[in-house]
Amino acid sequence: MQELEDFLFQIGNFGFPLVLAIYLLLRFEKKLEKLSNAISNLENTINNKKK
């Protein structure tokens, strides 16, 4: 019984923060990709205006 309690304690202490960190990293990655695309589009627009 003690082993199960220890296991659940470890999941509570490490599992939740790990899942939360992965979730936030995935969201952050999507936002970085959108930002990168916006910068690329801006660069293309500026280059087209110079021609």
N, C-alpha and C. Protein backbone atom coordinates (compact mmCIF):
# COMPACT_ATOMS: atom_id res chain seq x y z
N MET A 1 0.82 -1.19 0.00
CA MET A 1 0.00 0.00 0.00
C MET A 1 0.87 1.26 0.00
N GLN A 2 1.96 1.20 0.73
CA GLN A 2 2.87 2.35 0.81
C GLN A 2 3.51 2.63 -0.55
N GLU A 3 3.81 1.56 -1.29
CA GLU A 3 4.42 1.73 -2.61
C GLU A 3 3.47 2.46 -3.56
N LEU A 4 2.19 2.13 -3.50
CA LEU A 4 1.20 2.79 -4.34
C LEU A 4 1.09 4.26 -3.96
N GLU A 5 1.09 4.56 -2.68
CA GLU A 5 1.02 5.95 -2.24
C GLU A 5 2.25 6.73 -2.69
N ASP A 6 3.42 6.11 -2.61
CA ASP A 6 4.65 6.76 -3.06
C ASP A 6 4.60 7.02 -4.57
N PHE A 7 4.09 6.03 -5.30
CA PHE A 7 3.98 6.17 -6.75
C PHE A 7 3.04 7.31 -7.11
N LEU A 8 1.89 7.38 -6.48
CA LEU A 8 0.93 8.46 -6.73
C LEU A 8 1.50 9.81 -6.33
N PHE A 9 2.26 9.83 -5.26
CA PHE A 9 2.92 11.06 -4.81
C PHE A 9 3.92 11.55 -5.86
N GLN A 10 4.68 10.61 -6.43
CA GLN A 10 5.67 10.98 -7.45
C GLN A 10 4.98 11.49 -8.72
N ILE A 11 3.89 10.87 -9.09
CA ILE A 11 3.13 11.33 -10.27
C ILE A 11 2.60 12.73 -10.01
N GLY A 12 2.10 12.97 -8.82
CA GLY A 12 1.58 14.29 -8.49
C GLY A 12 2.67 15.35 -8.50
N ASN A 13 3.84 15.01 -8.03
CA ASN A 13 4.92 15.99 -7.95
C ASN A 13 5.63 16.22 -9.28
N PHE A 14 5.74 15.19 -10.11
CA PHE A 14 6.51 15.31 -11.34
C PHE A 14 5.67 15.19 -12.60
N GLY A 15 4.62 14.42 -12.56
CA GLY A 15 3.81 14.18 -13.75
C GLY A 15 3.05 15.42 -14.20
N PHE A 16 2.36 16.06 -13.26
CA PHE A 16 1.58 17.24 -13.63
C PHE A 16 2.46 18.37 -14.16
N PRO A 17 3.54 18.75 -13.48
CA PRO A 17 4.39 19.81 -14.05
C PRO A 17 4.99 19.43 -15.40
N LEU A 18 5.30 18.17 -15.60
CA LEU A 18 5.84 17.73 -16.87
C LEU A 18 4.81 17.88 -17.98
N VAL A 19 3.59 17.46 -17.74
CA VAL A 19 2.52 17.58 -18.73
C VAL A 19 2.25 19.05 -19.01
N LEU A 20 2.22 19.86 -17.98
CA LEU A 20 1.99 21.29 -18.16
C LEU A 20 3.10 21.94 -18.98
N ALA A 21 4.34 21.59 -18.72
CA ALA A 21 5.47 22.15 -19.46
C ALA A 21 5.40 21.75 -20.94
N ILE A 22 5.07 20.51 -21.21
CA ILE A 22 4.96 20.05 -22.60
C ILE A 22 3.83 20.79 -23.31
N TYR A 23 2.71 20.94 -22.65
CA TYR A 23 1.56 21.66 -23.23
C TYR A 23 1.95 23.11 -23.57
N LEU A 24 2.60 23.78 -22.63
CA LEU A 24 2.99 25.17 -22.86
C LEU A 24 4.04 25.29 -23.97
N LEU A 25 4.97 24.35 -24.03
CA LEU A 25 5.97 24.38 -25.09
C LEU A 25 5.34 24.19 -26.47
N LEU A 26 4.35 23.32 -26.56
CA LEU A 26 3.67 23.11 -27.84
C LEU A 26 2.92 24.36 -28.27
N ARG A 27 2.26 25.02 -27.33
CA ARG A 27 1.55 26.26 -27.65
C ARG A 27 2.54 27.34 -28.07
N PHE A 28 3.66 27.43 -27.37
CA PHE A 28 4.67 28.43 -27.67
C PHE A 28 5.27 28.19 -29.05
N GLU A 29 5.45 26.91 -29.40
CA GLU A 29 6.00 26.58 -30.71
C GLU A 29 5.08 27.05 -31.83
N LYS A 30 3.78 26.88 -31.66
CA LYS A 30 2.82 27.32 -32.67
C LYS A 30 2.87 28.83 -32.84
N LYS A 31 2.98 29.54 -31.73
CA LYS A 31 3.03 31.00 -31.80
C LYS A 31 4.32 31.46 -32.47
N LEU A 32 5.43 30.77 -32.20
CA LEU A 32 6.69 31.12 -32.85
C LEU A 32 6.62 30.89 -34.35
N GLU A 33 5.95 29.82 -34.75
CA GLU A 33 5.81 29.53 -36.17
C GLU A 33 4.98 30.61 -36.86
N LYS A 34 3.90 31.06 -36.22
CA LYS A 34 3.09 32.13 -36.80
C LYS A 34 3.89 33.42 -36.88
N LEU A 35 4.67 33.72 -35.87
CA LEU A 35 5.50 34.92 -35.87
C LEU A 35 6.54 34.85 -36.97
N SER A 36 7.15 33.70 -37.14
CA SER A 36 8.15 33.52 -38.19
C SER A 36 7.53 33.73 -39.57
N ASN A 37 6.34 33.20 -39.78
CA ASN A 37 5.65 33.39 -41.06
C ASN A 37 5.31 34.86 -41.29
N ALA A 38 4.89 35.55 -40.26
CA ALA A 38 4.56 36.97 -40.38
C ALA A 38 5.80 37.78 -40.74
N ILE A 39 6.92 37.48 -40.13
CA ILE A 39 8.17 38.18 -40.43
C ILE A 39 8.60 37.90 -41.87
N SER A 40 8.46 36.67 -42.30
CA SER A 40 8.81 36.31 -43.68
C SER A 40 7.92 37.06 -44.67
N ASN A 41 6.63 37.12 -44.38
CA ASN A 41 5.71 37.86 -45.26
C ASN A 41 6.06 39.34 -45.29
N LEU A 42 6.42 39.89 -44.16
CA LEU A 42 6.81 41.30 -44.10
C LEU A 42 8.07 41.55 -44.92
N GLU A 43 9.02 40.64 -44.80
CA GLU A 43 10.25 40.76 -45.58
C GLU A 43 9.96 40.72 -47.08
N ASN A 44 9.09 39.81 -47.49
CA ASN A 44 8.72 39.72 -48.91
C ASN A 44 8.02 40.99 -49.38
N THR A 45 7.15 41.54 -48.57
CA THR A 45 6.43 42.76 -48.91
C THR A 45 7.39 43.93 -49.07
N ILE A 46 8.34 44.04 -48.14
CA ILE A 46 9.33 45.12 -48.22
C ILE A 46 10.19 44.96 -49.47
N ASN A 47 10.62 43.75 -49.76
CA ASN A 47 11.44 43.52 -50.95
C ASN A 47 10.67 43.82 -52.23
N ASN A 48 9.38 43.51 -52.28
CA ASN A 48 8.57 43.79 -53.46
C ASN A 48 8.36 45.29 -53.63
N LYS A 49 8.26 46.03 -52.56
CA LYS A 49 8.06 47.49 -52.65
C LYS A 49 9.33 48.19 -53.18
N LYS A 50 10.50 47.60 -52.88
CA LYS A 50 11.75 48.21 -53.32
C LYS A 50 11.95 48.07 -54.82
N LYS A 51 11.33 47.08 -55.44
CA LYS A 51 11.55 46.81 -56.87
C LYS A 51 10.78 47.77 -57.73
